[in-house]
Amino acid sequence: MQKQYRLKSNGAFRFVYRKGTSVSNKSMVLLFTKSTRGLHIGFSVSKNVGNSVTRNRVKRLLRENFRAMIDEVDHGFTYVVIARAELSEMDFHQIGVALRDVLTRAGKLRAL
């Protein structure tokens, strides 16, 4: 995923946590809020998911899956994806299905 879309600052994450709307499934939680600066996405993977190697793997897989569907996602929002422990046991395609599911539940995927 391109760096221009990444959510980096702690304050930006806290804003989405405070003001955002949440949608979840078994493996992740999606928080989103309206954005005036375009699409931004952040990923939060806690120590409950696993050790540092596992957490970084989950973040890489989430970023790559999001990158693949970036043209379908509504660009007027800031998103934060919070990983749950089940993600550590999933492969690339299962994570993609789960991410697509949570975005569809939120109504943030548009047809191409």
C-alpha atoms as a PDB file:
ATOM      1  CA  MET A   1       0.000   0.000   0.000  1.00  0.00           C
ATOM      2  CA  GLN A   2       1.243   3.467  -0.806  1.00  0.00           C
ATOM      3  CA  LYS A   3       2.542   5.574   2.059  1.00  0.00           C
ATOM      4  CA  GLN A   4       0.188   8.434   1.202  1.00  0.00           C
ATOM      5  CA  TYR A   5      -2.722   6.347   2.483  1.00  0.00           C
ATOM      6  CA  ARG A   6      -1.162   5.288   5.787  1.00  0.00           C
ATOM      7  CA  LEU A   7      -2.433   6.599   9.087  1.00  0.00           C
ATOM      8  CA  LYS A   8       0.586   7.128  11.312  1.00  0.00           C
ATOM      9  CA  SER A   9       0.128   9.550  14.188  1.00  0.00           C
ATOM     10  CA  ASN A  10      -1.189   8.519  17.567  1.00  0.00           C
ATOM     11  CA  GLY A  11      -3.551  11.492  17.559  1.00  0.00           C
ATOM     12  CA  ALA A  12      -5.137  10.388  14.284  1.00  0.00           C
ATOM     13  CA  PHE A  13      -5.700   6.880  15.652  1.00  0.00           C
ATOM     14  CA  ARG A  14      -7.201   8.290  18.860  1.00  0.00           C
ATOM     15  CA  PHE A  15      -9.539  10.540  16.863  1.00  0.00           C
ATOM     16  CA  VAL A  16     -10.901   7.567  14.903  1.00  0.00           C
ATOM     17  CA  TYR A  17     -11.237   5.513  18.115  1.00  0.00           C
ATOM     18  CA  ARG A  18     -13.204   8.346  19.754  1.00  0.00           C
ATOM     19  CA  LYS A  19     -15.385   9.574  16.875  1.00  0.00           C
ATOM     20  CA  GLY A  20     -15.519   6.563  14.575  1.00  0.00           C
ATOM     21  CA  THR A  21     -18.272   4.104  13.806  1.00  0.00           C
ATOM     22  CA  SER A  22     -17.421   0.441  14.298  1.00  0.00           C
ATOM     23  CA  VAL A  23     -18.323  -2.692  12.378  1.00  0.00           C
ATOM     24  CA  SER A  24     -16.884  -6.095  13.214  1.00  0.00           C
ATOM     25  CA  ASN A  25     -16.734  -9.742  12.319  1.00  0.00           C
ATOM     26  CA  LYS A  26     -15.078 -12.687  14.034  1.00  0.00           C
ATOM     27  CA  SER A  27     -11.523 -11.745  13.083  1.00  0.00           C
ATOM     28  CA  MET A  28     -11.371  -7.929  12.989  1.00  0.00           C
ATOM     29  CA  VAL A  29     -12.999  -4.627  13.884  1.00  0.00           C
ATOM     30  CA  LEU A  30     -13.273  -1.766  11.383  1.00  0.00           C
ATOM     31  CA  LEU A  31     -13.549   1.792  12.687  1.00  0.00           C
ATOM     32  CA  PHE A  32     -14.206   4.590  10.224  1.00  0.00           C
ATOM     33  CA  THR A  33     -14.933   8.290  10.252  1.00  0.00           C
ATOM     34  CA  LYS A  34     -15.529  10.902   7.576  1.00  0.00           C
ATOM     35  CA  SER A  35     -12.339  12.493   6.273  1.00  0.00           C
ATOM     36  CA  THR A  36     -11.717  15.819   4.566  1.00  0.00           C
ATOM     37  CA  ARG A  37      -8.208  14.783   3.487  1.00  0.00           C
ATOM     38  CA  GLY A  38      -9.133  11.672   1.534  1.00  0.00           C
ATOM     39  CA  LEU A  39      -8.458   8.014   2.201  1.00  0.00           C
ATOM     40  CA  HIS A  40      -6.268   7.026   5.139  1.00  0.00           C
ATOM     41  CA  ILE A  41      -5.937   3.580   6.680  1.00  0.00           C
ATOM     42  CA  GLY A  42      -4.270   2.379   9.863  1.00  0.00           C
ATOM     43  CA  PHE A  43      -3.815  -1.105  11.274  1.00  0.00           C
ATOM     44  CA  SER A  44      -3.741  -1.977  14.960  1.00  0.00           C
ATOM     45  CA  VAL A  45      -2.476  -5.400  16.035  1.00  0.00           C
ATOM     46  CA  SER A  46      -2.147  -5.926  19.781  1.00  0.00           C
ATOM     47  CA  LYS A  47       0.031  -8.368  21.679  1.00  0.00           C
ATOM     48  CA  ASN A  48      -3.002 -10.631  22.081  1.00  0.00           C
ATOM     49  CA  VAL A  49      -2.518 -11.641  18.441  1.00  0.00           C
ATOM     50  CA  GLY A  50       0.954 -13.079  19.006  1.00  0.00           C
ATOM     51  CA  ASN A  51       4.632 -12.272  19.188  1.00  0.00           C
ATOM     52  CA  SER A  52       6.256  -9.524  17.100  1.00  0.00           C
ATOM     53  CA  VAL A  53       6.884 -11.790  14.120  1.00  0.00           C
ATOM     54  CA  THR A  54       3.228 -12.820  14.023  1.00  0.00           C
ATOM     55  CA  ARG A  55       1.955  -9.256  14.511  1.00  0.00           C
ATOM     56  CA  ASN A  56       4.120  -7.915  11.703  1.00  0.00           C
ATOM     57  CA  ARG A  57       3.024 -10.752   9.396  1.00  0.00           C
ATOM     58  CA  VAL A  58      -0.633  -9.973  10.097  1.00  0.00           C
ATOM     59  CA  LYS A  59      -0.042  -6.256   9.386  1.00  0.00           C
ATOM     60  CA  ARG A  60       1.735  -7.061   6.106  1.00  0.00           C
ATOM     61  CA  LEU A  61      -1.097  -9.341   4.982  1.00  0.00           C
ATOM     62  CA  LEU A  62      -3.746  -6.765   5.932  1.00  0.00           C
ATOM     63  CA  ARG A  63      -1.895  -3.987   4.082  1.00  0.00           C
ATOM     64  CA  GLU A  64      -1.495  -6.099   0.945  1.00  0.00           C
ATOM     65  CA  ASN A  65      -5.140  -7.181   0.936  1.00  0.00           C
ATOM     66  CA  PHE A  66      -6.282  -3.602   1.426  1.00  0.00           C
ATOM     67  CA  ARG A  67      -3.979  -2.455  -1.377  1.00  0.00           C
ATOM     68  CA  ALA A  68      -5.571  -4.968  -3.736  1.00  0.00           C
ATOM     69  CA  MET A  69      -9.059  -3.561  -3.123  1.00  0.00           C
ATOM     70  CA  ILE A  70      -8.140   0.120  -2.738  1.00  0.00           C
ATOM     71  CA  ASP A  71     -10.011   1.114  -5.914  1.00  0.00           C
ATOM     72  CA  GLU A  72     -13.240  -0.376  -4.528  1.00  0.00           C
ATOM     73  CA  VAL A  73     -13.072   1.351  -1.125  1.00  0.00           C
ATOM     74  CA  ASP A  74     -14.873   4.645  -0.497  1.00  0.00           C
ATOM     75  CA  HIS A  75     -12.091   7.279  -0.437  1.00  0.00           C
ATOM     76  CA  GLY A  76     -13.896   9.839   1.734  1.00  0.00           C
ATOM     77  CA  PHE A  77     -13.096   8.110   5.016  1.00  0.00           C
ATOM     78  CA  THR A  78     -10.326   7.335   7.476  1.00  0.00           C
ATOM     79  CA  TYR A  79     -10.235   3.662   8.483  1.00  0.00           C
ATOM     80  CA  VAL A  80      -8.628   1.771  11.348  1.00  0.00           C
ATOM     81  CA  VAL A  81      -8.575  -2.036  11.259  1.00  0.00           C
ATOM     82  CA  ILE A  82      -8.136  -3.702  14.645  1.00  0.00           C
ATOM     83  CA  ALA A  83      -6.980  -7.303  14.377  1.00  0.00           C
ATOM     84  CA  ARG A  84      -8.302 -10.024  16.641  1.00  0.00           C
ATOM     85  CA  ALA A  85      -6.380 -13.167  17.633  1.00  0.00           C
ATOM     86  CA  GLU A  86      -8.078 -15.308  14.938  1.00  0.00           C
ATOM     87  CA  LEU A  87      -6.172 -13.424  12.211  1.00  0.00           C
ATOM     88  CA  SER A  88      -2.870 -14.973  13.264  1.00  0.00           C
ATOM     89  CA  GLU A  89      -4.100 -18.388  12.110  1.00  0.00           C
ATOM     90  CA  MET A  90      -5.453 -17.220   8.734  1.00  0.00           C
ATOM     91  CA  ASP A  91      -3.687 -17.221   5.389  1.00  0.00           C
ATOM     92  CA  PHE A  92      -3.598 -14.436   2.803  1.00  0.00           C
ATOM     93  CA  HIS A  93      -6.868 -15.321   1.067  1.00  0.00           C
ATOM     94  CA  GLN A  94      -8.829 -15.858   4.271  1.00  0.00           C
ATOM     95  CA  ILE A  95      -7.711 -12.446   5.536  1.00  0.00           C
ATOM     96  CA  GLY A  96      -8.818 -10.922   2.230  1.00  0.00           C
ATOM     97  CA  VAL A  97     -12.265 -12.498   2.546  1.00  0.00           C
ATOM     98  CA  ALA A  98     -12.596 -11.276   6.149  1.00  0.00           C
ATOM     99  CA  LEU A  99     -11.501  -7.740   5.200  1.00  0.00           C
ATOM    100  CA  ARG A 100     -13.928  -7.647   2.265  1.00  0.00           C
ATOM    101  CA  ASP A 101     -16.687  -8.902   4.587  1.00  0.00           C
ATOM    102  CA  VAL A 102     -16.165  -6.188   7.194  1.00  0.00           C
ATOM    103  CA  LEU A 103     -15.957  -3.453   4.522  1.00  0.00           C
ATOM    104  CA  THR A 104     -19.166  -4.752   2.933  1.00  0.00           C
ATOM    105  CA  ARG A 105     -20.935  -4.761   6.317  1.00  0.00           C
ATOM    106  CA  ALA A 106     -19.893  -1.135   6.754  1.00  0.00           C
ATOM    107  CA  GLY A 107     -21.147  -0.276   3.267  1.00  0.00           C
ATOM    108  CA  LYS A 108     -17.774   1.124   2.222  1.00  0.00           C
ATOM    109  CA  LEU A 109     -17.167  -1.000  -0.895  1.00  0.00           C
ATOM    110  CA  ARG A 110     -18.376   0.379  -4.183  1.00  0.00           C
ATOM    111  CA  ALA A 111     -18.910  -1.550  -7.382  1.00  0.00           C
ATOM    112  CA  LEU A 112     -16.342  -1.046 -10.105  1.00  0.00           C
END
